[in-house]
C-alpha atoms as a PDB file:
ATOM      1  CA  MET A   1     154.237 145.264 224.713  1.00  0.00           C
ATOM      2  CA  LYS A   2     156.502 144.412 221.155  1.00  0.00           C
ATOM      3  CA  ILE A   3     158.575 147.061 220.064  1.00  0.00           C
ATOM      4  CA  GLU A   4     159.592 147.366 216.493  1.00  0.00           C
ATOM      5  CA  HIS A   5     162.523 149.388 214.864  1.00  0.00           C
ATOM      6  CA  TRP A   6     161.521 150.936 211.453  1.00  0.00           C
ATOM      7  CA  ASN A   7     163.445 153.237 209.396  1.00  0.00           C
ATOM      8  CA  ASP A   8     162.319 156.643 208.213  1.00  0.00           C
ATOM      9  CA  LYS A   9     161.281 155.225 204.494  1.00  0.00           C
ATOM     10  CA  GLU A  10     159.128 152.567 206.084  1.00  0.00           C
ATOM     11  CA  ILE A  11     157.658 154.909 208.335  1.00  0.00           C
ATOM     12  CA  LYS A  12     156.816 157.214 205.778  1.00  0.00           C
ATOM     13  CA  GLN A  13     155.218 154.587 203.723  1.00  0.00           C
ATOM     14  CA  ALA A  14     153.143 153.277 206.643  1.00  0.00           C
ATOM     15  CA  CYS A  15     151.996 156.758 207.249  1.00  0.00           C
ATOM     16  CA  SER A  16     150.520 157.255 203.561  1.00  0.00           C
ATOM     17  CA  PHE A  17     146.950 157.033 202.427  1.00  0.00           C
ATOM     18  CA  THR A  18     148.353 156.374 198.819  1.00  0.00           C
ATOM     19  CA  GLU A  19     149.760 153.062 200.179  1.00  0.00           C
ATOM     20  CA  LEU A  20     147.120 152.319 202.115  1.00  0.00           C
ATOM     21  CA  CYS A  21     145.001 152.309 198.818  1.00  0.00           C
ATOM     22  CA  ASN A  22     147.182 150.351 196.846  1.00  0.00           C
ATOM     23  CA  LYS A  23     147.263 147.693 199.567  1.00  0.00           C
ATOM     24  CA  ILE A  24     143.295 147.616 199.435  1.00  0.00           C
ATOM     25  CA  TYR A  25     143.484 147.587 195.909  1.00  0.00           C
ATOM     26  CA  GLU A  26     145.699 144.664 195.625  1.00  0.00           C
ATOM     27  CA  LYS A  27     143.480 142.579 197.806  1.00  0.00           C
ATOM     28  CA  LEU A  28     140.330 143.728 196.534  1.00  0.00           C
ATOM     29  CA  ASP A  29     138.121 140.379 196.403  1.00  0.00           C
ATOM     30  CA  TRP A  30     137.375 140.546 192.603  1.00  0.00           C
ATOM     31  CA  GLU A  31     133.876 139.070 191.766  1.00  0.00           C
ATOM     32  CA  GLU A  32     135.290 135.718 190.061  1.00  0.00           C
ATOM     33  CA  ASP A  33     131.988 135.450 187.769  1.00  0.00           C
ATOM     34  CA  PHE A  34     133.423 138.753 186.037  1.00  0.00           C
ATOM     35  CA  ASP A  35     136.829 137.139 184.880  1.00  0.00           C
ATOM     36  CA  LEU A  36     137.358 137.783 181.380  1.00  0.00           C
ATOM     37  CA  SER A  37     139.913 135.188 180.943  1.00  0.00           C
ATOM     38  CA  TYR A  38     137.300 132.217 180.720  1.00  0.00           C
ATOM     39  CA  LEU A  39     135.553 133.719 177.676  1.00  0.00           C
ATOM     40  CA  GLN A  40     135.947 131.895 174.687  1.00  0.00           C
ATOM     41  CA  ASN A  41     133.462 132.531 172.110  1.00  0.00           C
ATOM     42  CA  PRO A  42     130.539 135.207 171.363  1.00  0.00           C
ATOM     43  CA  ASN A  43     127.918 133.392 173.213  1.00  0.00           C
ATOM     44  CA  ASP A  44     129.807 133.149 176.598  1.00  0.00           C
ATOM     45  CA  PHE A  45     130.463 136.901 175.946  1.00  0.00           C
ATOM     46  CA  VAL A  46     126.913 137.877 175.469  1.00  0.00           C
ATOM     47  CA  GLU A  47     125.613 135.920 178.823  1.00  0.00           C
ATOM     48  CA  TRP A  48     128.705 137.493 180.868  1.00  0.00           C
ATOM     49  CA  GLN A  49     127.803 140.890 179.469  1.00  0.00           C
ATOM     50  CA  SER A  50     124.266 140.549 180.589  1.00  0.00           C
ATOM     51  CA  THR A  51     124.801 139.676 183.774  1.00  0.00           C
ATOM     52  CA  LEU A  52     127.175 142.131 184.612  1.00  0.00           C
ATOM     53  CA  ARG A  53     124.884 144.947 183.175  1.00  0.00           C
ATOM     54  CA  LYS A  54     122.605 143.909 185.756  1.00  0.00           C
ATOM     55  CA  LYS A  55     124.830 144.415 188.412  1.00  0.00           C
ATOM     56  CA  PHE A  56     126.329 147.635 187.327  1.00  0.00           C
ATOM     57  CA  ILE A  57     122.520 149.194 186.646  1.00  0.00           C
ATOM     58  CA  LYS A  58     121.970 148.236 190.453  1.00  0.00           C
ATOM     59  CA  LEU A  59     125.709 149.571 191.682  1.00  0.00           C
ATOM     60  CA  ILE A  60     125.226 152.932 190.070  1.00  0.00           C
ATOM     61  CA  LYS A  61     121.394 153.172 191.246  1.00  0.00           C
ATOM     62  CA  ILE A  62     119.791 154.832 188.420  1.00  0.00           C
ATOM     63  CA  PRO A  63     116.346 155.940 189.285  1.00  0.00           C
ATOM     64  CA  ASP A  64     113.209 153.426 188.342  1.00  0.00           C
ATOM     65  CA  ARG A  65     112.284 153.666 184.912  1.00  0.00           C
ATOM     66  CA  LYS A  66     109.970 150.743 184.871  1.00  0.00           C
ATOM     67  CA  ARG A  67     106.884 152.620 184.680  1.00  0.00           C
ATOM     68  CA  LYS A  68     107.411 153.938 180.887  1.00  0.00           C
ATOM     69  CA  GLU A  69     105.800 157.384 180.505  1.00  0.00           C
ATOM     70  CA  GLU A  70     105.106 159.754 177.705  1.00  0.00           C
ATOM     71  CA  CYS A  71     108.054 161.986 176.466  1.00  0.00           C
ATOM     72  CA  ILE A  72     106.666 165.419 177.547  1.00  0.00           C
ATOM     73  CA  VAL A  73     108.797 168.660 175.939  1.00  0.00           C
ATOM     74  CA  ILE A  74     108.146 171.942 177.095  1.00  0.00           C
ATOM     75  CA  ALA A  75     108.911 174.256 174.031  1.00  0.00           C
ATOM     76  CA  GLU A  76     110.719 177.876 174.401  1.00  0.00           C
ATOM     77  CA  SER A  77     108.897 179.169 171.549  1.00  0.00           C
ATOM     78  CA  THR A  78     110.399 182.911 172.015  1.00  0.00           C
ATOM     79  CA  SER A  79     112.545 184.063 168.964  1.00  0.00           C
ATOM     80  CA  LYS A  80     115.503 184.723 171.299  1.00  0.00           C
ATOM     81  CA  ASN A  81     115.959 180.981 171.907  1.00  0.00           C
ATOM     82  CA  ILE A  82     116.214 179.973 168.081  1.00  0.00           C
ATOM     83  CA  HIS A  83     119.258 180.691 166.192  1.00  0.00           C
ATOM     84  CA  SER A  84     119.880 180.067 162.424  1.00  0.00           C
ATOM     85  CA  PHE A  85     123.274 179.279 161.467  1.00  0.00           C
ATOM     86  CA  LYS A  86     124.431 178.257 157.740  1.00  0.00           C
ATOM     87  CA  LYS A  87     124.113 174.578 157.951  1.00  0.00           C
ATOM     88  CA  TYR A  88     121.876 173.959 161.282  1.00  0.00           C
ATOM     89  CA  GLU A  89     119.465 176.091 163.143  1.00  0.00           C
ATOM     90  CA  THR A  90     118.767 175.498 167.273  1.00  0.00           C
ATOM     91  CA  GLU A  91     116.076 175.392 169.386  1.00  0.00           C
ATOM     92  CA  MET A  92     115.547 175.617 173.217  1.00  0.00           C
ATOM     93  CA  ILE A  93     113.338 172.952 174.958  1.00  0.00           C
ATOM     94  CA  TYR A  94     113.055 171.607 178.045  1.00  0.00           C
ATOM     95  CA  ILE A  95     112.343 167.681 178.558  1.00  0.00           C
ATOM     96  CA  LYS A  96     110.367 166.449 182.088  1.00  0.00           C
ATOM     97  CA  SER A  97     112.428 164.004 184.056  1.00  0.00           C
ATOM     98  CA  TRP A  98     112.653 162.569 187.404  1.00  0.00           C
ATOM     99  CA  PHE A  99     110.237 163.874 190.015  1.00  0.00           C
ATOM    100  CA  GLU A 100     109.234 166.256 187.138  1.00  0.00           C
ATOM    101  CA  THR A 101     112.423 168.166 187.244  1.00  0.00           C
ATOM    102  CA  LEU A 102     113.468 169.525 183.904  1.00  0.00           C
ATOM    103  CA  ILE A 103     116.350 168.884 181.662  1.00  0.00           C
ATOM    104  CA  PRO A 104     117.281 172.524 179.868  1.00  0.00           C
ATOM    105  CA  ALA A 105     118.433 171.322 176.277  1.00  0.00           C
ATOM    106  CA  ILE A 106     119.388 172.684 173.086  1.00  0.00           C
ATOM    107  CA  ILE A 107     118.682 170.738 169.539  1.00  0.00           C
ATOM    108  CA  CYS A 108     120.560 171.338 166.555  1.00  0.00           C
ATOM    109  CA  ILE A 109     118.797 170.538 163.371  1.00  0.00           C
ATOM    110  CA  PRO A 110     121.042 170.276 160.321  1.00  0.00           C
ATOM    111  CA  LYS A 111     119.623 171.896 157.042  1.00  0.00           C
ATOM    112  CA  LEU A 112     119.491 169.394 154.434  1.00  0.00           C
ATOM    113  CA  GLU A 113     117.933 168.381 151.290  1.00  0.00           C
ATOM    114  CA  ARG A 114     116.722 165.248 152.732  1.00  0.00           C
ATOM    115  CA  ALA A 115     115.806 166.047 156.584  1.00  0.00           C
ATOM    116  CA  ASP A 116     114.346 162.373 157.709  1.00  0.00           C
ATOM    117  CA  ASP A 117     116.056 159.128 159.005  1.00  0.00           C
ATOM    118  CA  LEU A 118     118.940 161.309 160.128  1.00  0.00           C
ATOM    119  CA  PRO A 119     121.678 160.193 162.670  1.00  0.00           C
ATOM    120  CA  ALA A 120     121.234 161.589 166.215  1.00  0.00           C
ATOM    121  CA  PHE A 121     123.745 162.287 168.915  1.00  0.00           C
ATOM    122  CA  ILE A 122     123.199 162.969 172.595  1.00  0.00           C
ATOM    123  CA  CYS A 123     126.362 165.388 173.580  1.00  0.00           C
ATOM    124  CA  LEU A 124     127.227 165.758 177.062  1.00  0.00           C
ATOM    125  CA  HIS A 125     129.541 168.314 178.354  1.00  0.00           C
ATOM    126  CA  GLY A 126     132.213 168.342 181.046  1.00  0.00           C
ATOM    127  CA  HIS A 127     133.155 170.004 184.268  1.00  0.00           C
ATOM    128  CA  LEU A 128     133.300 173.980 183.902  1.00  0.00           C
ATOM    129  CA  MET A 129     131.277 174.046 180.763  1.00  0.00           C
ATOM    130  CA  ARG A 130     127.571 173.922 179.875  1.00  0.00           C
ATOM    131  CA  LYS A 131     124.987 173.518 177.092  1.00  0.00           C
ATOM    132  CA  GLU A 132     126.037 176.606 174.842  1.00  0.00           C
ATOM    133  CA  ASN A 133     129.484 176.014 174.811  1.00  0.00           C
ATOM    134  CA  LEU A 134     128.929 172.562 172.414  1.00  0.00           C
ATOM    135  CA  VAL A 135     126.752 174.490 170.196  1.00  0.00           C
ATOM    136  CA  GLY A 136     128.921 177.571 169.776  1.00  0.00           C
ATOM    137  CA  LEU A 137     126.775 180.149 171.700  1.00  0.00           C
ATOM    138  CA  ARG A 138     128.833 180.535 174.588  1.00  0.00           C
ATOM    139  CA  LYS A 139     132.744 180.641 174.769  1.00  0.00           C
ATOM    140  CA  ASN A 140     134.750 178.171 176.301  1.00  0.00           C
ATOM    141  CA  LEU A 141     136.684 179.612 179.027  1.00  0.00           C
ATOM    142  CA  ILE A 142     139.270 176.438 179.917  1.00  0.00           C
ATOM    143  CA  TYR A 143     137.890 173.285 177.993  1.00  0.00           C
ATOM    144  CA  SER A 144     137.645 173.304 173.769  1.00  0.00           C
ATOM    145  CA  GLY A 145     135.058 171.759 171.913  1.00  0.00           C
ATOM    146  CA  THR A 146     131.858 172.173 170.287  1.00  0.00           C
ATOM    147  CA  TRP A 147     131.115 168.548 169.150  1.00  0.00           C
ATOM    148  CA  ALA A 148     127.403 169.465 168.951  1.00  0.00           C
ATOM    149  CA  LYS A 149     127.698 171.847 166.356  1.00  0.00           C
ATOM    150  CA  ASP A 150     130.403 169.915 164.661  1.00  0.00           C
ATOM    151  CA  LEU A 151     128.154 166.992 164.467  1.00  0.00           C
ATOM    152  CA  ALA A 152     125.157 168.645 163.247  1.00  0.00           C
ATOM    153  CA  GLU A 153     127.376 170.429 160.455  1.00  0.00           C
ATOM    154  CA  LEU A 154     128.074 166.700 159.442  1.00  0.00           C
ATOM    155  CA  GLY A 155     124.174 165.991 159.226  1.00  0.00           C
ATOM    156  CA  CYS A 156     123.534 164.574 162.480  1.00  0.00           C
ATOM    157  CA  ILE A 157     120.674 165.818 164.991  1.00  0.00           C
ATOM    158  CA  THR A 158     122.207 167.068 168.196  1.00  0.00           C
ATOM    159  CA  ILE A 159     120.851 167.543 172.011  1.00  0.00           C
ATOM    160  CA  THR A 160     122.818 168.913 174.402  1.00  0.00           C
ATOM    161  CA  ALA A 161     121.562 169.425 178.312  1.00  0.00           C
ATOM    162  CA  ASP A 162     122.906 171.115 181.347  1.00  0.00           C
ATOM    163  CA  GLN A 163     124.144 168.629 183.710  1.00  0.00           C
ATOM    164  CA  TRP A 164     123.094 168.752 187.167  1.00  0.00           C
ATOM    165  CA  GLY A 165     125.601 171.134 188.611  1.00  0.00           C
ATOM    166  CA  PHE A 166     126.299 173.514 185.713  1.00  0.00           C
ATOM    167  CA  GLY A 167     124.117 176.187 183.715  1.00  0.00           C
ATOM    168  CA  GLU A 168     120.499 176.120 184.500  1.00  0.00           C
ATOM    169  CA  ARG A 169     120.931 173.439 187.055  1.00  0.00           C
ATOM    170  CA  GLY A 170     123.070 174.698 189.200  1.00  0.00           C
ATOM    171  CA  HIS A 171     124.911 178.195 188.730  1.00  0.00           C
ATOM    172  CA  ALA A 172     124.637 180.198 191.661  1.00  0.00           C
ATOM    173  CA  ARG A 173     125.595 183.669 190.461  1.00  0.00           C
ATOM    174  CA  LYS A 174     125.671 186.453 192.823  1.00  0.00           C
ATOM    175  CA  SER A 175     125.354 183.638 195.536  1.00  0.00           C
ATOM    176  CA  VAL A 176     128.044 181.855 194.999  1.00  0.00           C
ATOM    177  CA  LYS A 177     130.107 183.275 198.285  1.00  0.00           C
ATOM    178  CA  LYS A 178     127.093 182.469 200.688  1.00  0.00           C
ATOM    179  CA  ASN A 179     126.133 178.745 199.303  1.00  0.00           C
ATOM    180  CA  TYR A 180     127.766 175.804 197.579  1.00  0.00           C
ATOM    181  CA  ASP A 181     124.988 175.231 195.011  1.00  0.00           C
ATOM    182  CA  HIS A 182     127.249 176.035 192.349  1.00  0.00           C
ATOM    183  CA  LEU A 183     129.418 173.285 193.453  1.00  0.00           C
ATOM    184  CA  GLU A 184     129.029 169.862 191.932  1.00  0.00           C
ATOM    185  CA  ARG A 185     130.023 168.072 195.486  1.00  0.00           C
ATOM    186  CA  LYS A 186     126.555 169.018 196.855  1.00  0.00           C
ATOM    187  CA  TYR A 187     124.916 167.308 194.140  1.00  0.00           C
ATOM    188  CA  ALA A 188     127.069 164.195 194.686  1.00  0.00           C
ATOM    189  CA  LEU A 189     127.228 164.053 198.125  1.00  0.00           C
ATOM    190  CA  ASN A 190     123.259 164.837 198.872  1.00  0.00           C
ATOM    191  CA  MET A 191     122.475 161.691 195.964  1.00  0.00           C
ATOM    192  CA  LEU A 192     124.726 159.753 198.319  1.00  0.00           C
ATOM    193  CA  ILE A 193     122.642 160.581 201.592  1.00  0.00           C
ATOM    194  CA  LEU A 194     119.800 159.974 199.828  1.00  0.00           C
ATOM    195  CA  GLY A 195     120.498 156.362 198.584  1.00  0.00           C
ATOM    196  CA  HIS A 196     121.391 157.303 194.934  1.00  0.00           C
ATOM    197  CA  THR A 197     124.283 158.294 192.941  1.00  0.00           C
ATOM    198  CA  ILE A 198     124.828 161.629 190.716  1.00  0.00           C
ATOM    199  CA  SER A 199     126.136 159.675 187.853  1.00  0.00           C
ATOM    200  CA  GLY A 200     122.925 157.542 187.971  1.00  0.00           C
ATOM    201  CA  LEU A 201     120.759 160.924 188.116  1.00  0.00           C
ATOM    202  CA  ARG A 202     122.852 162.110 185.038  1.00  0.00           C
ATOM    203  CA  ILE A 203     122.440 158.341 183.359  1.00  0.00           C
ATOM    204  CA  TYR A 204     118.828 158.658 183.699  1.00  0.00           C
ATOM    205  CA  ASP A 205     118.832 161.922 182.366  1.00  0.00           C
ATOM    206  CA  THR A 206     120.635 160.961 179.386  1.00  0.00           C
ATOM    207  CA  MET A 207     118.110 158.103 178.961  1.00  0.00           C
ATOM    208  CA  GLN A 208     115.402 160.563 179.004  1.00  0.00           C
ATOM    209  CA  GLN A 209     116.947 162.271 175.936  1.00  0.00           C
ATOM    210  CA  VAL A 210     116.986 158.809 173.989  1.00  0.00           C
ATOM    211  CA  ASP A 211     113.179 158.802 174.649  1.00  0.00           C
ATOM    212  CA  TYR A 212     112.883 162.393 173.095  1.00  0.00           C
ATOM    213  CA  LEU A 213     115.242 161.406 170.177  1.00  0.00           C
ATOM    214  CA  LEU A 214     112.997 158.582 169.659  1.00  0.00           C
ATOM    215  CA  SER A 215     109.925 160.453 169.331  1.00  0.00           C
ATOM    216  CA  ARG A 216     110.971 162.362 166.752  1.00  0.00           C
ATOM    217  CA  GLU A 217     110.027 161.404 163.071  1.00  0.00           C
ATOM    218  CA  ASP A 218     113.554 162.891 161.623  1.00  0.00           C
ATOM    219  CA  VAL A 219     115.612 160.466 163.667  1.00  0.00           C
ATOM    220  CA  ASP A 220     116.780 156.933 162.642  1.00  0.00           C
ATOM    221  CA  SER A 221     116.074 154.857 165.998  1.00  0.00           C
ATOM    222  CA  SER A 222     119.214 152.654 164.866  1.00  0.00           C
ATOM    223  CA  LYS A 223     121.397 155.350 164.738  1.00  0.00           C
ATOM    224  CA  ILE A 224     121.395 157.042 168.112  1.00  0.00           C
ATOM    225  CA  GLY A 225     124.741 157.772 169.836  1.00  0.00           C
ATOM    226  CA  VAL A 226     126.386 159.521 172.748  1.00  0.00           C
ATOM    227  CA  ALA A 227     129.730 161.845 172.794  1.00  0.00           C
ATOM    228  CA  GLY A 228     131.014 163.346 175.937  1.00  0.00           C
ATOM    229  CA  LEU A 229     134.396 164.935 177.012  1.00  0.00           C
ATOM    230  CA  SER A 230     135.639 164.142 180.934  1.00  0.00           C
ATOM    231  CA  MET A 231     132.457 164.089 183.319  1.00  0.00           C
ATOM    232  CA  GLY A 232     130.329 164.114 179.921  1.00  0.00           C
ATOM    233  CA  GLY A 233     132.661 160.867 178.586  1.00  0.00           C
ATOM    234  CA  THR A 234     131.986 159.349 181.825  1.00  0.00           C
ATOM    235  CA  ILE A 235     128.329 159.750 181.435  1.00  0.00           C
ATOM    236  CA  ALA A 236     128.740 158.574 177.937  1.00  0.00           C
ATOM    237  CA  SER A 237     130.445 155.295 178.676  1.00  0.00           C
ATOM    238  CA  TYR A 238     128.164 154.494 181.687  1.00  0.00           C
ATOM    239  CA  THR A 239     124.848 155.210 179.565  1.00  0.00           C
ATOM    240  CA  ALA A 240     126.109 153.208 176.406  1.00  0.00           C
ATOM    241  CA  ALA A 241     127.211 150.186 178.917  1.00  0.00           C
ATOM    242  CA  ILE A 242     123.304 150.152 180.025  1.00  0.00           C
ATOM    243  CA  ASP A 243     121.245 151.675 177.462  1.00  0.00           C
ATOM    244  CA  ILE A 244     121.118 149.229 174.395  1.00  0.00           C
ATOM    245  CA  ARG A 245     119.059 151.385 172.233  1.00  0.00           C
ATOM    246  CA  ILE A 246     122.413 153.437 171.874  1.00  0.00           C
ATOM    247  CA  SER A 247     124.351 152.420 168.937  1.00  0.00           C
ATOM    248  CA  MET A 248     127.112 154.406 169.147  1.00  0.00           C
ATOM    249  CA  ALA A 249     129.601 156.104 171.889  1.00  0.00           C
ATOM    250  CA  ILE A 250     132.221 158.902 171.708  1.00  0.00           C
ATOM    251  CA  VAL A 251     134.244 159.195 174.887  1.00  0.00           C
ATOM    252  CA  ALA A 252     136.814 161.792 175.161  1.00  0.00           C
ATOM    253  CA  GLY A 253     138.973 162.141 178.383  1.00  0.00           C
ATOM    254  CA  PHE A 254     137.897 159.157 180.125  1.00  0.00           C
ATOM    255  CA  CYS A 255     138.995 156.054 179.032  1.00  0.00           C
ATOM    256  CA  SER A 256     141.786 154.925 181.614  1.00  0.00           C
ATOM    257  CA  THR A 257     141.602 152.529 184.728  1.00  0.00           C
ATOM    258  CA  PHE A 258     140.300 153.183 188.014  1.00  0.00           C
ATOM    259  CA  LYS A 259     143.432 152.968 189.971  1.00  0.00           C
ATOM    260  CA  SER A 260     146.094 155.141 187.934  1.00  0.00           C
ATOM    261  CA  SER A 261     142.913 157.826 187.670  1.00  0.00           C
ATOM    262  CA  ILE A 262     140.282 158.039 190.033  1.00  0.00           C
ATOM    263  CA  LEU A 263     142.635 156.444 193.257  1.00  0.00           C
ATOM    264  CA  GLU A 264     145.618 158.446 192.502  1.00  0.00           C
ATOM    265  CA  LYS A 265     144.659 161.901 190.900  1.00  0.00           C
ATOM    266  CA  GLN A 266     142.574 164.569 192.645  1.00  0.00           C
ATOM    267  CA  HIS A 267     138.924 164.297 191.177  1.00  0.00           C
ATOM    268  CA  CYS A 268     135.853 165.500 191.198  1.00  0.00           C
ATOM    269  CA  THR A 269     133.016 163.636 193.716  1.00  0.00           C
ATOM    270  CA  ASP A 270     131.241 162.145 190.939  1.00  0.00           C
ATOM    271  CA  ASN A 271     133.385 159.904 189.713  1.00  0.00           C
ATOM    272  CA  TYR A 272     133.302 157.623 192.862  1.00  0.00           C
ATOM    273  CA  VAL A 273     130.667 155.010 192.481  1.00  0.00           C
ATOM    274  CA  PRO A 274     130.598 153.075 195.838  1.00  0.00           C
ATOM    275  CA  LYS A 275     131.653 149.349 195.516  1.00  0.00           C
ATOM    276  CA  ILE A 276     132.228 149.935 191.405  1.00  0.00           C
ATOM    277  CA  LEU A 277     135.884 147.879 192.022  1.00  0.00           C
ATOM    278  CA  LYS A 278     134.138 144.964 193.110  1.00  0.00           C
ATOM    279  CA  TYR A 279     133.578 143.627 189.666  1.00  0.00           C
ATOM    280  CA  GLY A 280     136.714 144.812 188.331  1.00  0.00           C
ATOM    281  CA  GLU A 281     138.460 147.861 186.220  1.00  0.00           C
ATOM    282  CA  LEU A 282     136.768 150.246 183.833  1.00  0.00           C
ATOM    283  CA  GLY A 283     137.987 148.133 181.042  1.00  0.00           C
ATOM    284  CA  LYS A 284     135.151 145.868 182.096  1.00  0.00           C
ATOM    285  CA  ILE A 285     132.521 148.639 182.472  1.00  0.00           C
ATOM    286  CA  LEU A 286     133.563 149.748 179.144  1.00  0.00           C
ATOM    287  CA  SER A 287     132.970 146.278 177.580  1.00  0.00           C
ATOM    288  CA  LEU A 288     129.276 146.320 178.308  1.00  0.00           C
ATOM    289  CA  VAL A 289     129.112 148.969 175.058  1.00  0.00           C
ATOM    290  CA  ALA A 290     130.876 146.025 172.915  1.00  0.00           C
ATOM    291  CA  PRO A 291     130.095 145.217 169.838  1.00  0.00           C
ATOM    292  CA  ARG A 292     128.747 148.609 169.353  1.00  0.00           C
ATOM    293  CA  PRO A 293     130.806 151.271 167.636  1.00  0.00           C
ATOM    294  CA  LEU A 294     133.204 153.083 170.339  1.00  0.00           C
ATOM    295  CA  PHE A 295     135.815 155.856 169.713  1.00  0.00           C
ATOM    296  CA  PHE A 296     138.196 157.434 172.232  1.00  0.00           C
ATOM    297  CA  ILE A 297     139.830 160.530 172.239  1.00  0.00           C
ATOM    298  CA  ASN A 298     142.942 160.694 174.645  1.00  0.00           C
ATOM    299  CA  GLY A 299     145.645 163.233 175.364  1.00  0.00           C
ATOM    300  CA  VAL A 300     149.461 162.440 175.769  1.00  0.00           C
ATOM    301  CA  LYS A 301     149.198 165.228 178.086  1.00  0.00           C
ATOM    302  CA  ASP A 302     146.034 164.825 179.885  1.00  0.00           C
ATOM    303  CA  PRO A 303     147.208 165.079 183.556  1.00  0.00           C
ATOM    304  CA  ILE A 304     143.870 163.205 184.860  1.00  0.00           C
ATOM    305  CA  PHE A 305     143.547 160.581 182.700  1.00  0.00           C
ATOM    306  CA  PRO A 306     147.240 158.833 182.107  1.00  0.00           C
ATOM    307  CA  ILE A 307     147.557 158.008 178.485  1.00  0.00           C
ATOM    308  CA  GLU A 308     149.518 154.662 179.565  1.00  0.00           C
ATOM    309  CA  SER A 309     146.342 153.270 181.040  1.00  0.00           C
ATOM    310  CA  ALA A 310     144.012 154.734 178.549  1.00  0.00           C
ATOM    311  CA  ILE A 311     146.120 152.383 175.814  1.00  0.00           C
ATOM    312  CA  HIS A 312     146.173 149.642 178.290  1.00  0.00           C
ATOM    313  CA  THR A 313     142.041 149.756 178.843  1.00  0.00           C
ATOM    314  CA  TYR A 314     141.852 150.087 174.656  1.00  0.00           C
ATOM    315  CA  ASN A 315     144.135 147.101 174.115  1.00  0.00           C
ATOM    316  CA  GLU A 316     141.689 145.251 176.599  1.00  0.00           C
ATOM    317  CA  LEU A 317     138.869 146.322 174.843  1.00  0.00           C
ATOM    318  CA  ARG A 318     140.399 145.323 171.448  1.00  0.00           C
ATOM    319  CA  LYS A 319     140.338 141.581 172.646  1.00  0.00           C
ATOM    320  CA  ILE A 320     136.782 141.886 173.360  1.00  0.00           C
ATOM    321  CA  TYR A 321     135.857 143.108 169.803  1.00  0.00           C
ATOM    322  CA  GLU A 322     138.318 140.520 168.396  1.00  0.00           C
ATOM    323  CA  LEU A 323     136.340 137.569 170.172  1.00  0.00           C
ATOM    324  CA  LEU A 324     133.224 139.229 168.673  1.00  0.00           C
ATOM    325  CA  GLY A 325     134.692 139.687 165.195  1.00  0.00           C
ATOM    326  CA  LYS A 326     133.860 143.749 165.324  1.00  0.00           C
ATOM    327  CA  THR A 327     137.320 145.206 165.454  1.00  0.00           C
ATOM    328  CA  GLU A 328     136.472 147.883 162.983  1.00  0.00           C
ATOM    329  CA  ASN A 329     134.152 148.997 165.462  1.00  0.00           C
ATOM    330  CA  LEU A 330     136.668 149.942 168.117  1.00  0.00           C
ATOM    331  CA  GLY A 331     139.014 153.044 167.646  1.00  0.00           C
ATOM    332  CA  ILE A 332     140.955 155.605 169.343  1.00  0.00           C
ATOM    333  CA  ASP A 333     142.818 159.216 168.344  1.00  0.00           C
ATOM    334  CA  VAL A 334     145.664 159.558 170.803  1.00  0.00           C
ATOM    335  CA  THR A 335     146.456 163.332 170.441  1.00  0.00           C
ATOM    336  CA  PRO A 336     149.378 165.515 171.473  1.00  0.00           C
ATOM    337  CA  TYR A 337     147.258 167.547 173.675  1.00  0.00           C
ATOM    338  CA  GLY A 338     146.035 167.421 177.072  1.00  0.00           C
ATOM    339  CA  HIS A 339     142.348 166.791 178.357  1.00  0.00           C
ATOM    340  CA  LYS A 340     140.159 168.213 175.818  1.00  0.00           C
ATOM    341  CA  TRP A 341     138.242 167.326 172.582  1.00  0.00           C
ATOM    342  CA  LYS A 342     139.646 166.820 169.495  1.00  0.00           C
ATOM    343  CA  GLY A 343     137.483 165.666 166.912  1.00  0.00           C
ATOM    344  CA  ASN A 344     139.182 165.310 163.486  1.00  0.00           C
ATOM    345  CA  LYS A 345     139.653 161.527 162.983  1.00  0.00           C
ATOM    346  CA  VAL A 346     136.251 160.732 165.301  1.00  0.00           C
ATOM    347  CA  TYR A 347     134.152 162.447 162.631  1.00  0.00           C
ATOM    348  CA  GLU A 348     135.705 160.589 160.065  1.00  0.00           C
ATOM    349  CA  PHE A 349     134.721 157.673 162.359  1.00  0.00           C
ATOM    350  CA  VAL A 350     131.035 158.816 162.371  1.00  0.00           C
ATOM    351  CA  LYS A 351     131.162 159.263 158.466  1.00  0.00           C
ATOM    352  CA  LYS A 352     132.313 155.939 157.835  1.00  0.00           C
ATOM    353  CA  LYS A 353     129.797 154.447 160.050  1.00  0.00           C
ATOM    354  CA  TRP A 354     126.912 156.435 159.520  1.00  0.00           C
ATOM    355  CA  LEU A 355     126.640 159.073 156.894  1.00  0.00           C
ATOM    356  CA  ASP A 356     125.985 159.177 153.647  1.00  0.00           C
ATOM    357  CA  VAL A 357     127.867 162.485 152.706  1.00  0.00           C
ATOM    358  CA  SER A 358     126.095 162.810 149.438  1.00  0.00           C
ATOM    359  CA  PHE A 359     122.835 164.417 150.300  1.00  0.00           C
ATOM    360  CA  LEU A 360     124.498 167.124 152.849  1.00  0.00           C
ATOM    361  CA  SER A 361     124.115 170.391 151.806  1.00  0.00           C
ATOM    362  CA  ASN A 362     126.879 172.881 150.693  1.00  0.00           C
END
């Protein structure tokens, strides 16, 4: 038996789970095929991007969408589910999804003089939120932001749905103490044991909402975007990375690196996709959105997505957009706030890219 003599600091480090994760991260067997350094021209990138997208789709385990089905909507026609505001009105619908499950959603329709070929956004809420928060029908208790309402007032059709684990798809109400159905970890862990991921399921539902928007005669099919905060930012990023029908992504409180955020901070279960680091850091996944318009909102006081790593990833992406000659399609708003949605600069980005403000009603 060999006896080694270690000091207290060495013993403490050797007992640290964080130190173990750091060492594993440093020794990760990255897929060499996805090294960005060899990309020299746009054609190289297109081929690289196509290959990585296929790998990511398999990794995130999205339910099979090969069989194209008719978009089926169940409408709530009672008057209590229709609200009229100065610049838009809302409607409540349910969209059929995987295994005949339903996506409870609120549609915001702008009141415009010209109400055809409008841009549309799928607005994705974060943890501890629900669809009513984003349209201003329910007060935000923790996170601020009513981007479904704001974008509708700008002249965009918006749809916002309850994510699995929240609102009509998980709120246990009086039975909270007796079961954990209201906790997202049930959804995330059950999907893993069933061979799927909760993020894959949420991406699938978001793609069903793209189908719905494309079925509307008043939507411009070339202008369908996703916009989300926190968990919603995650799903916005991943769906835009996979589904090229999405032509703009707004991501608040998610741009970072896996190492400095997901690995080093306390995060919700849905953030952990098995083997995702096999292909590289978050910047590579986000590069699947390029050269489409992509805008980030990150706060300097965000405790779970550090601003330094957000800027690092943004700068990595800027090199990709420069290679493609589309730097005007990439933007970031570094706010003095924390983990929240602040929309002033991003709305200017949307207006510049998509909106003819001359036809908006007063």
